[in-house]
Structure formats: C-alpha cells, structure tokens
Amino acid sequence: MIKYGLLTLLIIICSNSFGQNKVDTVTIKTRITCDHCNTCETCGLRFEKDLYFEKRIRNSVFNPIDTTITVVFKNTVTNPDIIRQKIAKMGFDADDVKADPDGYQQLDKCCRRDL
C-alpha cells in the first residue's frame, strides 16, 4: 500500500515539476471482480500498458487496493472525460462511465461479473 502511495506521489511531483508541458493528474475509480486482476495483463497491467500507448497520456498507475487508476496526461489536448471513455472501451467502468459492451466481452471470463 505504501508502495502505491509513494508511486502516486512521485507521479504528482513529476507532473508538477514539468508544468511547462501542461500536464495534469486524475484518479479514476474502476471495478475489478477477480482476485488476480491486479497482476494479470487482462486488467491491472493492461491499464498501465494500454494507456501508456495512448497519445497525450504520459503515465498511468493501477492501484489494486482501492481499484483506482491514476493517470498523468497532457491537459491541452485531452481531459478526464476522454480518458474515462478510453478505459470504458477497454471493458471497465470508469467512475460513472459504464464499460463498453464490446470491450467487456474481450476480458477474461474471470474478469467479467454476471449482470
């Protein structure tokens, strides 16, 4: 838990240090239902990997304890709502944005919850 807190603090400090790049940080609440998702590529690591390759997103860290994703992004070309939509397209809820059904079907069976 301390590890994730320190990592989040480091992200915030780095984003403030590079203010001329106009970066911002947002923490988004998601929902994960299986117990191994914080390490499998379908969920936990997928947030960091897939969001890393999105333009305008500098860094993302998944916190499995409180199931949040902290994202550092360039705020001149994107915003938290667009980031929430990207996470939803991956098949996960993002705050009040529900998971995209097509993305949801691509998740491992253990990562899907029965609705």
PDB file of N, CA and C in Angstrom:
ATOM      1  N   MET A   1       0.830  -1.178   0.000  1.00  0.00           N
ATOM      2  CA  MET A   1       0.000   0.000   0.000  1.00  0.00           C
ATOM      3  C   MET A   1       0.871   1.237   0.000  1.00  0.00           C
ATOM      4  N   ILE A   2       1.925   1.238   0.786  1.00  0.00           N
ATOM      5  CA  ILE A   2       2.833   2.374   0.831  1.00  0.00           C
ATOM      6  C   ILE A   2       3.501   2.554  -0.527  1.00  0.00           C
ATOM      7  N   LYS A   3       3.816   1.431  -1.182  1.00  0.00           N
ATOM      8  CA  LYS A   3       4.451   1.472  -2.496  1.00  0.00           C
ATOM      9  C   LYS A   3       3.598   2.242  -3.497  1.00  0.00           C
ATOM     10  N   TYR A   4       2.295   1.966  -3.510  1.00  0.00           N
ATOM     11  CA  TYR A   4       1.400   2.636  -4.446  1.00  0.00           C
ATOM     12  C   TYR A   4       1.227   4.110  -4.084  1.00  0.00           C
ATOM     13  N   GLY A   5       1.198   4.392  -2.800  1.00  0.00           N
ATOM     14  CA  GLY A   5       1.094   5.781  -2.353  1.00  0.00           C
ATOM     15  C   GLY A   5       2.318   6.583  -2.757  1.00  0.00           C
ATOM     16  N   LEU A   6       3.494   5.999  -2.575  1.00  0.00           N
ATOM     17  CA  LEU A   6       4.724   6.688  -2.959  1.00  0.00           C
ATOM     18  C   LEU A   6       4.806   6.866  -4.466  1.00  0.00           C
ATOM     19  N   LEU A   7       4.374   5.866  -5.211  1.00  0.00           N
ATOM     20  CA  LEU A   7       4.389   5.962  -6.663  1.00  0.00           C
ATOM     21  C   LEU A   7       3.441   7.052  -7.147  1.00  0.00           C
ATOM     22  N   THR A   8       2.265   7.129  -6.562  1.00  0.00           N
ATOM     23  CA  THR A   8       1.311   8.177  -6.919  1.00  0.00           C
ATOM     24  C   THR A   8       1.878   9.550  -6.574  1.00  0.00           C
ATOM     25  N   LEU A   9       2.484   9.674  -5.405  1.00  0.00           N
ATOM     26  CA  LEU A   9       3.106  10.936  -5.011  1.00  0.00           C
ATOM     27  C   LEU A   9       4.206  11.325  -5.983  1.00  0.00           C
ATOM     28  N   LEU A  10       5.014  10.366  -6.417  1.00  0.00           N
ATOM     29  CA  LEU A  10       6.074  10.627  -7.380  1.00  0.00           C
ATOM     30  C   LEU A  10       5.502  11.129  -8.702  1.00  0.00           C
ATOM     31  N   ILE A  11       4.413  10.518  -9.135  1.00  0.00           N
ATOM     32  CA  ILE A  11       3.767  10.944 -10.384  1.00  0.00           C
ATOM     33  C   ILE A  11       3.292  12.389 -10.263  1.00  0.00           C
ATOM     34  N   ILE A  12       2.680  12.712  -9.139  1.00  0.00           N
ATOM     35  CA  ILE A  12       2.172  14.074  -8.950  1.00  0.00           C
ATOM     36  C   ILE A  12       3.320  15.076  -8.899  1.00  0.00           C
ATOM     37  N   ILE A  13       4.391  14.739  -8.200  1.00  0.00           N
ATOM     38  CA  ILE A  13       5.543  15.641  -8.119  1.00  0.00           C
ATOM     39  C   ILE A  13       6.156  15.842  -9.496  1.00  0.00           C
ATOM     40  N   CYS A  14       6.317  14.745 -10.239  1.00  0.00           N
ATOM     41  CA  CYS A  14       6.892  14.864 -11.578  1.00  0.00           C
ATOM     42  C   CYS A  14       5.999  15.699 -12.489  1.00  0.00           C
ATOM     43  N   SER A  15       4.699  15.512 -12.375  1.00  0.00           N
ATOM     44  CA  SER A  15       3.800  16.277 -13.241  1.00  0.00           C
ATOM     45  C   SER A  15       3.838  17.753 -12.889  1.00  0.00           C
ATOM     46  N   ASN A  16       4.013  18.076 -11.609  1.00  0.00           N
ATOM     47  CA  ASN A  16       4.125  19.478 -11.217  1.00  0.00           C
ATOM     48  C   ASN A  16       5.477  20.064 -11.601  1.00  0.00           C
ATOM     49  N   SER A  17       6.513  19.250 -11.637  1.00  0.00           N
ATOM     50  CA  SER A  17       7.847  19.713 -11.997  1.00  0.00           C
ATOM     51  C   SER A  17       7.935  20.121 -13.451  1.00  0.00           C
ATOM     52  N   PHE A  18       7.139  19.501 -14.273  1.00  0.00           N
ATOM     53  CA  PHE A  18       7.165  19.784 -15.702  1.00  0.00           C
ATOM     54  C   PHE A  18       5.943  20.595 -16.106  1.00  0.00           C
ATOM     55  N   GLY A  19       5.658  21.645 -15.340  1.00  0.00           N
ATOM     56  CA  GLY A  19       4.483  22.473 -15.564  1.00  0.00           C
ATOM     57  C   GLY A  19       4.431  23.081 -16.945  1.00  0.00           C
ATOM     58  N   GLN A  20       5.588  23.336 -17.546  1.00  0.00           N
ATOM     59  CA  GLN A  20       5.587  23.913 -18.881  1.00  0.00           C
ATOM     60  C   GLN A  20       5.012  22.952 -19.908  1.00  0.00           C
ATOM     61  N   ASN A  21       4.932  21.663 -19.595  1.00  0.00           N
ATOM     62  CA  ASN A  21       4.343  20.689 -20.502  1.00  0.00           C
ATOM     63  C   ASN A  21       2.829  20.618 -20.358  1.00  0.00           C
ATOM     64  N   LYS A  22       2.270  21.355 -19.405  1.00  0.00           N
ATOM     65  CA  LYS A  22       0.834  21.410 -19.162  1.00  0.00           C
ATOM     66  C   LYS A  22       0.240  20.030 -18.959  1.00  0.00           C
ATOM     67  N   VAL A  23       0.769  19.328 -17.968  1.00  0.00           N
ATOM     68  CA  VAL A  23       0.239  18.018 -17.631  1.00  0.00           C
ATOM     69  C   VAL A  23      -0.628  18.118 -16.391  1.00  0.00           C
ATOM     70  N   ASP A  24      -1.538  17.195 -16.254  1.00  0.00           N
ATOM     71  CA  ASP A  24      -2.439  17.147 -15.123  1.00  0.00           C
ATOM     72  C   ASP A  24      -2.588  15.697 -14.685  1.00  0.00           C
ATOM     73  N   THR A  25      -3.185  15.481 -13.527  1.00  0.00           N
ATOM     74  CA  THR A  25      -3.369  14.140 -12.985  1.00  0.00           C
ATOM     75  C   THR A  25      -4.827  13.948 -12.608  1.00  0.00           C
ATOM     76  N   VAL A  26      -5.354  12.771 -12.904  1.00  0.00           N
ATOM     77  CA  VAL A  26      -6.712  12.414 -12.500  1.00  0.00           C
ATOM     78  C   VAL A  26      -6.689  11.003 -11.937  1.00  0.00           C
ATOM     79  N   THR A  27      -7.494  10.759 -10.915  1.00  0.00           N
ATOM     80  CA  THR A  27      -7.645   9.424 -10.350  1.00  0.00           C
ATOM     81  C   THR A  27      -9.065   8.955 -10.645  1.00  0.00           C
ATOM     82  N   ILE A  28      -9.166   7.806 -11.295  1.00  0.00           N
ATOM     83  CA  ILE A  28     -10.441   7.281 -11.762  1.00  0.00           C
ATOM     84  C   ILE A  28     -10.740   5.974 -11.045  1.00  0.00           C
ATOM     85  N   LYS A  29     -11.922   5.858 -10.505  1.00  0.00           N
ATOM     86  CA  LYS A  29     -12.368   4.644  -9.817  1.00  0.00           C
ATOM     87  C   LYS A  29     -12.890   3.652 -10.847  1.00  0.00           C
ATOM     88  N   THR A  30     -12.477   2.403 -10.730  1.00  0.00           N
ATOM     89  CA  THR A  30     -12.947   1.355 -11.621  1.00  0.00           C
ATOM     90  C   THR A  30     -13.466   0.196 -10.792  1.00  0.00           C
ATOM     91  N   ARG A  31     -13.817  -0.889 -11.446  1.00  0.00           N
ATOM     92  CA  ARG A  31     -14.331  -2.064 -10.741  1.00  0.00           C
ATOM     93  C   ARG A  31     -13.693  -3.310 -11.338  1.00  0.00           C
ATOM     94  N   ILE A  32     -13.090  -4.106 -10.485  1.00  0.00           N
ATOM     95  CA  ILE A  32     -12.480  -5.365 -10.893  1.00  0.00           C
ATOM     96  C   ILE A  32     -13.013  -6.443  -9.968  1.00  0.00           C
ATOM     97  N   THR A  33     -13.417  -7.573 -10.542  1.00  0.00           N
ATOM     98  CA  THR A  33     -14.124  -8.570  -9.741  1.00  0.00           C
ATOM     99  C   THR A  33     -13.294  -9.780  -9.344  1.00  0.00           C
ATOM    100  N   CYS A  34     -12.206 -10.077 -10.033  1.00  0.00           N
ATOM    101  CA  CYS A  34     -11.459 -11.284  -9.650  1.00  0.00           C
ATOM    102  C   CYS A  34     -10.225 -10.919  -8.829  1.00  0.00           C
ATOM    103  N   ASP A  35      -9.681 -11.896  -8.125  1.00  0.00           N
ATOM    104  CA  ASP A  35      -8.612 -11.620  -7.167  1.00  0.00           C
ATOM    105  C   ASP A  35      -7.218 -11.580  -7.794  1.00  0.00           C
ATOM    106  N   HIS A  36      -7.057 -11.999  -9.030  1.00  0.00           N
ATOM    107  CA  HIS A  36      -5.721 -11.959  -9.630  1.00  0.00           C
ATOM    108  C   HIS A  36      -5.556 -10.805 -10.617  1.00  0.00           C
ATOM    109  N   CYS A  37      -6.579 -10.000 -10.774  1.00  0.00           N
ATOM    110  CA  CYS A  37      -6.562  -8.965 -11.811  1.00  0.00           C
ATOM    111  C   CYS A  37      -5.540  -7.857 -11.579  1.00  0.00           C
ATOM    112  N   ASN A  38      -5.066  -7.710 -10.379  1.00  0.00           N
ATOM    113  CA  ASN A  38      -4.085  -6.649 -10.170  1.00  0.00           C
ATOM    114  C   ASN A  38      -2.733  -7.002 -10.777  1.00  0.00           C
ATOM    115  N   THR A  39      -2.538  -8.263 -11.169  1.00  0.00           N
ATOM    116  CA  THR A  39      -1.265  -8.628 -11.780  1.00  0.00           C
ATOM    117  C   THR A  39      -1.406  -9.199 -13.183  1.00  0.00           C
ATOM    118  N   CYS A  40      -2.594  -9.640 -13.560  1.00  0.00           N
ATOM    119  CA  CYS A  40      -2.722 -10.230 -14.892  1.00  0.00           C
ATOM    120  C   CYS A  40      -2.793  -9.135 -15.956  1.00  0.00           C
ATOM    121  N   GLU A  41      -2.448  -9.467 -17.173  1.00  0.00           N
ATOM    122  CA  GLU A  41      -2.434  -8.479 -18.242  1.00  0.00           C
ATOM    123  C   GLU A  41      -3.828  -8.079 -18.680  1.00  0.00           C
ATOM    124  N   THR A  42      -4.817  -8.861 -18.338  1.00  0.00           N
ATOM    125  CA  THR A  42      -6.167  -8.519 -18.738  1.00  0.00           C
ATOM    126  C   THR A  42      -6.650  -7.273 -18.005  1.00  0.00           C
ATOM    127  N   CYS A  43      -6.247  -7.099 -16.776  1.00  0.00           N
ATOM    128  CA  CYS A  43      -6.782  -5.982 -16.003  1.00  0.00           C
ATOM    129  C   CYS A  43      -5.699  -5.018 -15.536  1.00  0.00           C
ATOM    130  N   GLY A  44      -5.137  -5.284 -14.369  1.00  0.00           N
ATOM    131  CA  GLY A  44      -4.226  -4.345 -13.729  1.00  0.00           C
ATOM    132  C   GLY A  44      -3.105  -3.834 -14.607  1.00  0.00           C
ATOM    133  N   LEU A  45      -2.316  -4.733 -15.162  1.00  0.00           N
ATOM    134  CA  LEU A  45      -1.209  -4.301 -16.004  1.00  0.00           C
ATOM    135  C   LEU A  45      -1.699  -3.757 -17.340  1.00  0.00           C
ATOM    136  N   ARG A  46      -2.877  -4.157 -17.743  1.00  0.00           N
ATOM    137  CA  ARG A  46      -3.416  -3.678 -19.015  1.00  0.00           C
ATOM    138  C   ARG A  46      -3.675  -2.177 -18.966  1.00  0.00           C
ATOM    139  N   PHE A  47      -4.140  -1.676 -17.822  1.00  0.00           N
ATOM    140  CA  PHE A  47      -4.361  -0.234 -17.711  1.00  0.00           C
ATOM    141  C   PHE A  47      -3.073   0.518 -18.004  1.00  0.00           C
ATOM    142  N   GLU A  48      -2.021   0.102 -17.340  1.00  0.00           N
ATOM    143  CA  GLU A  48      -0.742   0.789 -17.497  1.00  0.00           C
ATOM    144  C   GLU A  48      -0.187   0.608 -18.908  1.00  0.00           C
ATOM    145  N   LYS A  49      -0.310  -0.588 -19.455  1.00  0.00           N
ATOM    146  CA  LYS A  49       0.244  -0.870 -20.779  1.00  0.00           C
ATOM    147  C   LYS A  49      -0.557  -0.174 -21.880  1.00  0.00           C
ATOM    148  N   ASP A  50      -1.854  -0.367 -21.898  1.00  0.00           N
ATOM    149  CA  ASP A  50      -2.678   0.199 -22.975  1.00  0.00           C
ATOM    150  C   ASP A  50      -2.758   1.715 -22.912  1.00  0.00           C
ATOM    151  N   LEU A  51      -2.907   2.256 -21.729  1.00  0.00           N
ATOM    152  CA  LEU A  51      -2.985   3.715 -21.625  1.00  0.00           C
ATOM    153  C   LEU A  51      -1.647   4.373 -21.936  1.00  0.00           C
ATOM    154  N   TYR A  52      -0.548   3.658 -21.693  1.00  0.00           N
ATOM    155  CA  TYR A  52       0.770   4.212 -21.984  1.00  0.00           C
ATOM    156  C   TYR A  52       0.922   4.525 -23.473  1.00  0.00           C
ATOM    157  N   PHE A  53       0.326   3.714 -24.304  1.00  0.00           N
ATOM    158  CA  PHE A  53       0.467   3.906 -25.741  1.00  0.00           C
ATOM    159  C   PHE A  53      -0.566   4.872 -26.328  1.00  0.00           C
ATOM    160  N   GLU A  54      -1.449   5.397 -25.503  1.00  0.00           N
ATOM    161  CA  GLU A  54      -2.396   6.404 -25.961  1.00  0.00           C
ATOM    162  C   GLU A  54      -1.687   7.753 -26.054  1.00  0.00           C
ATOM    163  N   LYS A  55      -1.934   8.447 -27.137  1.00  0.00           N
ATOM    164  CA  LYS A  55      -1.355   9.780 -27.281  1.00  0.00           C
ATOM    165  C   LYS A  55      -1.908  10.675 -26.181  1.00  0.00           C
ATOM    166  N   ARG A  56      -1.089  11.578 -25.724  1.00  0.00           N
ATOM    167  CA  ARG A  56      -1.443  12.579 -24.718  1.00  0.00           C
ATOM    168  C   ARG A  56      -1.418  12.051 -23.289  1.00  0.00           C
ATOM    169  N   ILE A  57      -1.293  10.749 -23.090  1.00  0.00           N
ATOM    170  CA  ILE A  57      -1.222  10.193 -21.742  1.00  0.00           C
ATOM    171  C   ILE A  57       0.239   9.902 -21.433  1.00  0.00           C
ATOM    172  N   ARG A  58       0.721  10.501 -20.380  1.00  0.00           N
ATOM    173  CA  ARG A  58       2.130  10.383 -20.013  1.00  0.00           C
ATOM    174  C   ARG A  58       2.418   9.138 -19.180  1.00  0.00           C
ATOM    175  N   ASN A  59       1.495   8.818 -18.251  1.00  0.00           N
ATOM    176  CA  ASN A  59       1.738   7.700 -17.342  1.00  0.00           C
ATOM    177  C   ASN A  59       0.413   7.298 -16.698  1.00  0.00           C
ATOM    178  N   SER A  60       0.306   6.044 -16.311  1.00  0.00           N
ATOM    179  CA  SER A  60      -0.856   5.583 -15.552  1.00  0.00           C
ATOM    180  C   SER A  60      -0.414   4.509 -14.579  1.00  0.00           C
ATOM    181  N   VAL A  61      -1.050   4.503 -13.418  1.00  0.00           N
ATOM    182  CA  VAL A  61      -0.728   3.530 -12.381  1.00  0.00           C
ATOM    183  C   VAL A  61      -2.033   2.983 -11.829  1.00  0.00           C
ATOM    184  N   PHE A  62      -2.158   1.660 -11.835  1.00  0.00           N
ATOM    185  CA  PHE A  62      -3.327   0.998 -11.268  1.00  0.00           C
ATOM    186  C   PHE A  62      -3.052   0.664  -9.819  1.00  0.00           C
ATOM    187  N   ASN A  63      -3.970   1.033  -8.933  1.00  0.00           N
ATOM    188  CA  ASN A  63      -3.851   0.716  -7.521  1.00  0.00           C
ATOM    189  C   ASN A  63      -4.865  -0.387  -7.201  1.00  0.00           C
ATOM    190  N   PRO A  64      -4.409  -1.620  -6.985  1.00  0.00           N
ATOM    191  CA  PRO A  64      -5.340  -2.735  -6.773  1.00  0.00           C
ATOM    192  C   PRO A  64      -6.052  -2.689  -5.425  1.00  0.00           C
ATOM    193  N   ILE A  65      -5.533  -1.939  -4.483  1.00  0.00           N
ATOM    194  CA  ILE A  65      -6.145  -1.902  -3.157  1.00  0.00           C
ATOM    195  C   ILE A  65      -7.480  -1.166  -3.194  1.00  0.00           C
ATOM    196  N   ASP A  66      -7.501  -0.004  -3.820  1.00  0.00           N
ATOM    197  CA  ASP A  66      -8.755   0.739  -3.901  1.00  0.00           C
ATOM    198  C   ASP A  66      -9.320   0.782  -5.323  1.00  0.00           C
ATOM    199  N   THR A  67      -8.777  -0.034  -6.210  1.00  0.00           N
ATOM    200  CA  THR A  67      -9.184  -0.143  -7.620  1.00  0.00           C
ATOM    201  C   THR A  67      -9.365   1.224  -8.279  1.00  0.00           C
ATOM    202  N   THR A  68      -8.285   1.982  -8.250  1.00  0.00           N
ATOM    203  CA  THR A  68      -8.262   3.268  -8.928  1.00  0.00           C
ATOM    204  C   THR A  68      -7.117   3.286  -9.925  1.00  0.00           C
ATOM    205  N   ILE A  69      -7.252   4.146 -10.915  1.00  0.00           N
ATOM    206  CA  ILE A  69      -6.212   4.349 -11.910  1.00  0.00           C
ATOM    207  C   ILE A  69      -5.831   5.823 -11.847  1.00  0.00           C
ATOM    208  N   THR A  70      -4.569   6.103 -11.561  1.00  0.00           N
ATOM    209  CA  THR A  70      -4.077   7.472 -11.568  1.00  0.00           C
ATOM    210  C   THR A  70      -3.401   7.700 -12.905  1.00  0.00           C
ATOM    211  N   VAL A  71      -3.865   8.720 -13.632  1.00  0.00           N
ATOM    212  CA  VAL A  71      -3.387   8.985 -14.983  1.00  0.00           C
ATOM    213  C   VAL A  71      -2.807  10.390 -15.051  1.00  0.00           C
ATOM    214  N   VAL A  72      -1.598  10.483 -15.597  1.00  0.00           N
ATOM    215  CA  VAL A  72      -0.965  11.777 -15.871  1.00  0.00           C
ATOM    216  C   VAL A  72      -1.108  12.016 -17.368  1.00  0.00           C
ATOM    217  N   PHE A  73      -1.643  13.181 -17.733  1.00  0.00           N
ATOM    218  CA  PHE A  73      -1.959  13.437 -19.132  1.00  0.00           C
ATOM    219  C   PHE A  73      -1.673  14.883 -19.511  1.00  0.00           C
ATOM    220  N   LYS A  74      -1.540  15.113 -20.797  1.00  0.00           N
ATOM    221  CA  LYS A  74      -1.320  16.458 -21.322  1.00  0.00           C
ATOM    222  C   LYS A  74      -2.689  17.129 -21.438  1.00  0.00           C
ATOM    223  N   ASN A  75      -2.928  18.131 -20.599  1.00  0.00           N
ATOM    224  CA  ASN A  75      -4.268  18.694 -20.499  1.00  0.00           C
ATOM    225  C   ASN A  75      -4.627  19.681 -21.600  1.00  0.00           C
ATOM    226  N   THR A  76      -3.713  19.957 -22.495  1.00  0.00           N
ATOM    227  CA  THR A  76      -4.047  20.848 -23.601  1.00  0.00           C
ATOM    228  C   THR A  76      -4.746  20.112 -24.734  1.00  0.00           C
ATOM    229  N   VAL A  77      -4.676  18.791 -24.758  1.00  0.00           N
ATOM    230  CA  VAL A  77      -5.263  18.025 -25.851  1.00  0.00           C
ATOM    231  C   VAL A  77      -6.192  16.899 -25.404  1.00  0.00           C
ATOM    232  N   THR A  78      -6.300  16.636 -24.122  1.00  0.00           N
ATOM    233  CA  THR A  78      -7.244  15.634 -23.630  1.00  0.00           C
ATOM    234  C   THR A  78      -7.773  16.080 -22.282  1.00  0.00           C
ATOM    235  N   ASN A  79      -8.718  15.353 -21.757  1.00  0.00           N
ATOM    236  CA  ASN A  79      -9.299  15.689 -20.458  1.00  0.00           C
ATOM    237  C   ASN A  79      -9.773  14.407 -19.780  1.00  0.00           C
ATOM    238  N   PRO A  80     -10.140  14.486 -18.498  1.00  0.00           N
ATOM    239  CA  PRO A  80     -10.554  13.280 -17.775  1.00  0.00           C
ATOM    240  C   PRO A  80     -11.729  12.540 -18.409  1.00  0.00           C
ATOM    241  N   ASP A  81     -12.654  13.248 -19.040  1.00  0.00           N
ATOM    242  CA  ASP A  81     -13.789  12.575 -19.663  1.00  0.00           C
ATOM    243  C   ASP A  81     -13.346  11.686 -20.833  1.00  0.00           C
ATOM    244  N   ILE A  82     -12.405  12.157 -21.624  1.00  0.00           N
ATOM    245  CA  ILE A  82     -11.882  11.353 -22.735  1.00  0.00           C
ATOM    246  C   ILE A  82     -11.149  10.132 -22.198  1.00  0.00           C
ATOM    247  N   ILE A  83     -10.399  10.306 -21.131  1.00  0.00           N
ATOM    248  CA  ILE A  83      -9.671   9.189 -20.518  1.00  0.00           C
ATOM    249  C   ILE A  83     -10.652   8.159 -19.971  1.00  0.00           C
ATOM    250  N   ARG A  84     -11.721   8.626 -19.338  1.00  0.00           N
ATOM    251  CA  ARG A  84     -12.748   7.693 -18.838  1.00  0.00           C
ATOM    252  C   ARG A  84     -13.343   6.889 -19.996  1.00  0.00           C
ATOM    253  N   GLN A  85     -13.579   7.546 -21.127  1.00  0.00           N
ATOM    254  CA  GLN A  85     -14.115   6.846 -22.291  1.00  0.00           C
ATOM    255  C   GLN A  85     -13.142   5.781 -22.796  1.00  0.00           C
ATOM    256  N   LYS A  86     -11.842   6.080 -22.788  1.00  0.00           N
ATOM    257  CA  LYS A  86     -10.835   5.109 -23.219  1.00  0.00           C
ATOM    258  C   LYS A  86     -10.840   3.884 -22.304  1.00  0.00           C
ATOM    259  N   ILE A  87     -10.936   4.113 -20.999  1.00  0.00           N
ATOM    260  CA  ILE A  87     -10.972   3.000 -20.041  1.00  0.00           C
ATOM    261  C   ILE A  87     -12.247   2.182 -20.238  1.00  0.00           C
ATOM    262  N   ALA A  88     -13.359   2.859 -20.483  1.00  0.00           N
ATOM    263  CA  ALA A  88     -14.623   2.159 -20.709  1.00  0.00           C
ATOM    264  C   ALA A  88     -14.540   1.294 -21.968  1.00  0.00           C
ATOM    265  N   LYS A  89     -13.863   1.772 -23.010  1.00  0.00           N
ATOM    266  CA  LYS A  89     -13.710   0.980 -24.233  1.00  0.00           C
ATOM    267  C   LYS A  89     -12.848  -0.257 -24.001  1.00  0.00           C
ATOM    268  N   MET A  90     -12.006  -0.215 -22.977  1.00  0.00           N
ATOM    269  CA  MET A  90     -11.201  -1.378 -22.620  1.00  0.00           C
ATOM    270  C   MET A  90     -12.053  -2.446 -21.934  1.00  0.00           C
ATOM    271  N   GLY A  91     -13.272  -2.082 -21.506  1.00  0.00           N
ATOM    272  CA  GLY A  91     -14.166  -3.043 -20.873  1.00  0.00           C
ATOM    273  C   GLY A  91     -14.355  -2.848 -19.385  1.00  0.00           C
ATOM    274  N   PHE A  92     -13.923  -1.718 -18.855  1.00  0.00           N
ATOM    275  CA  PHE A  92     -14.014  -1.452 -17.420  1.00  0.00           C
ATOM    276  C   PHE A  92     -14.819  -0.190 -17.154  1.00  0.00           C
ATOM    277  N   ASP A  93     -15.526  -0.182 -16.033  1.00  0.00           N
ATOM    278  CA  ASP A  93     -16.189   1.043 -15.605  1.00  0.00           C
ATOM    279  C   ASP A  93     -15.111   2.072 -15.264  1.00  0.00           C
ATOM    280  N   ALA A  94     -15.436   3.331 -15.493  1.00  0.00           N
ATOM    281  CA  ALA A  94     -14.517   4.425 -15.174  1.00  0.00           C
ATOM    282  C   ALA A  94     -15.332   5.536 -14.521  1.00  0.00           C
ATOM    283  N   ASP A  95     -15.291   5.588 -13.204  1.00  0.00           N
ATOM    284  CA  ASP A  95     -16.151   6.481 -12.423  1.00  0.00           C
ATOM    285  C   ASP A  95     -17.599   6.195 -12.801  1.00  0.00           C
ATOM    286  N   ASP A  96     -18.302   7.175 -13.345  1.00  0.00           N
ATOM    287  CA  ASP A  96     -19.717   6.975 -13.683  1.00  0.00           C
ATOM    288  C   ASP A  96     -19.937   6.520 -15.131  1.00  0.00           C
ATOM    289  N   VAL A  97     -18.855   6.303 -15.890  1.00  0.00           N
ATOM    290  CA  VAL A  97     -18.954   5.824 -17.264  1.00  0.00           C
ATOM    291  C   VAL A  97     -18.930   4.295 -17.240  1.00  0.00           C
ATOM    292  N   LYS A  98     -19.975   3.688 -17.769  1.00  0.00           N
ATOM    293  CA  LYS A  98     -20.072   2.230 -17.771  1.00  0.00           C
ATOM    294  C   LYS A  98     -19.189   1.614 -18.853  1.00  0.00           C
ATOM    295  N   ALA A  99     -18.755   0.403 -18.616  1.00  0.00           N
ATOM    296  CA  ALA A  99     -17.885  -0.327 -19.548  1.00  0.00           C
ATOM    297  C   ALA A  99     -18.572  -0.535 -20.892  1.00  0.00           C
ATOM    298  N   ASP A 100     -17.803  -0.406 -21.956  1.00  0.00           N
ATOM    299  CA  ASP A 100     -18.294  -0.664 -23.303  1.00  0.00           C
ATOM    300  C   ASP A 100     -18.566  -2.165 -23.435  1.00  0.00           C
ATOM    301  N   PRO A 101     -19.739  -2.557 -23.931  1.00  0.00           N
ATOM    302  CA  PRO A 101     -20.060  -3.993 -24.025  1.00  0.00           C
ATOM    303  C   PRO A 101     -19.075  -4.788 -24.885  1.00  0.00           C
ATOM    304  N   ASP A 102     -18.595  -4.208 -25.986  1.00  0.00           N
ATOM    305  CA  ASP A 102     -17.633  -4.931 -26.834  1.00  0.00           C
ATOM    306  C   ASP A 102     -16.305  -5.129 -26.115  1.00  0.00           C
ATOM    307  N   GLY A 103     -15.821  -4.093 -25.454  1.00  0.00           N
ATOM    308  CA  GLY A 103     -14.583  -4.213 -24.681  1.00  0.00           C
ATOM    309  C   GLY A 103     -14.737  -5.183 -23.530  1.00  0.00           C
ATOM    310  N   TYR A 104     -15.904  -5.148 -22.910  1.00  0.00           N
ATOM    311  CA  TYR A 104     -16.191  -6.037 -21.793  1.00  0.00           C
ATOM    312  C   TYR A 104     -16.137  -7.501 -22.215  1.00  0.00           C
ATOM    313  N   GLN A 105     -16.655  -7.810 -23.384  1.00  0.00           N
ATOM    314  CA  GLN A 105     -16.654  -9.182 -23.874  1.00  0.00           C
ATOM    315  C   GLN A 105     -15.243  -9.681 -24.191  1.00  0.00           C
ATOM    316  N   GLN A 106     -14.295  -8.787 -24.381  1.00  0.00           N
ATOM    317  CA  GLN A 106     -12.913  -9.174 -24.664  1.00  0.00           C
ATOM    318  C   GLN A 106     -12.137  -9.548 -23.402  1.00  0.00           C
ATOM    319  N   LEU A 107     -12.679  -9.251 -22.224  1.00  0.00           N
ATOM    320  CA  LEU A 107     -11.998  -9.582 -20.972  1.00  0.00           C
ATOM    321  C   LEU A 107     -12.022 -11.089 -20.731  1.00  0.00           C
ATOM    322  N   ASP A 108     -11.078 -11.569 -19.923  1.00  0.00           N
ATOM    323  CA  ASP A 108     -11.110 -12.972 -19.497  1.00  0.00           C
ATOM    324  C   ASP A 108     -12.426 -13.242 -18.775  1.00  0.00           C
ATOM    325  N   LYS A 109     -12.887 -14.478 -18.813  1.00  0.00           N
ATOM    326  CA  LYS A 109     -14.156 -14.819 -18.172  1.00  0.00           C
ATOM    327  C   LYS A 109     -14.143 -14.517 -16.683  1.00  0.00           C
ATOM    328  N   CYS A 110     -13.001 -14.723 -16.043  1.00  0.00           N
ATOM    329  CA  CYS A 110     -12.947 -14.465 -14.596  1.00  0.00           C
ATOM    330  C   CYS A 110     -13.068 -12.983 -14.266  1.00  0.00           C
ATOM    331  N   CYS A 111     -12.806 -12.135 -15.245  1.00  0.00           N
ATOM    332  CA  CYS A 111     -12.839 -10.693 -15.008  1.00  0.00           C
ATOM    333  C   CYS A 111     -14.226 -10.108 -15.265  1.00  0.00           C
ATOM    334  N   ARG A 112     -15.120 -10.898 -15.803  1.00  0.00           N
ATOM    335  CA  ARG A 112     -16.485 -10.425 -16.054  1.00  0.00           C
ATOM    336  C   ARG A 112     -17.369 -10.772 -14.865  1.00  0.00           C
ATOM    337  N   ARG A 113     -18.207  -9.878 -14.513  1.00  0.00           N
ATOM    338  CA  ARG A 113     -19.169 -10.125 -13.454  1.00  0.00           C
ATOM    339  C   ARG A 113     -20.526 -10.387 -14.098  1.00  0.00           C
ATOM    340  N   ASP A 114     -21.291 -11.247 -13.515  1.00  0.00           N
ATOM    341  CA  ASP A 114     -22.623 -11.515 -14.051  1.00  0.00           C
ATOM    342  C   ASP A 114     -23.526 -10.345 -13.714  1.00  0.00           C
ATOM    343  N   LEU A 115     -24.153  -9.803 -14.737  1.00  0.00           N
ATOM    344  CA  LEU A 115     -25.043  -8.658 -14.526  1.00  0.00           C
ATOM    345  C   LEU A 115     -26.476  -9.114 -14.349  1.00  0.00           C
TER     346      LEU A 115
END
